């Protein structure tokens, strides 16, 4: 969107959240210049828990950090399983299946 269309003194940001594995929700927002990460989350209307970690383009940040035009705010949920351990379990189960011919 051209800057003139969205108004001077505004920024465009994207908010991204994965509530569960394999699902990603995205929301494009137009916010006033000087808006913070917390402002973007509040404007989204999403009911997010307070214990989520936040990031901008993959770098951890705080709710009070200022946003710039075209930033992507990411909300990270806690992992239920360590990814390395999940890979080990999959590998072990495939080895067992190969040995038994299943």
Foldseek 3Di string as FASTA:
>chain_A
DDDVVLDPQKAKEKEWEDPDPPDIDIDIDIGGAFAFQLNVVVVVPDPDDPPWFKDWPPHTDDRGHGDHHYIYIYTHDDDPDDPVVVVVVVVVVVVVCVVVVD
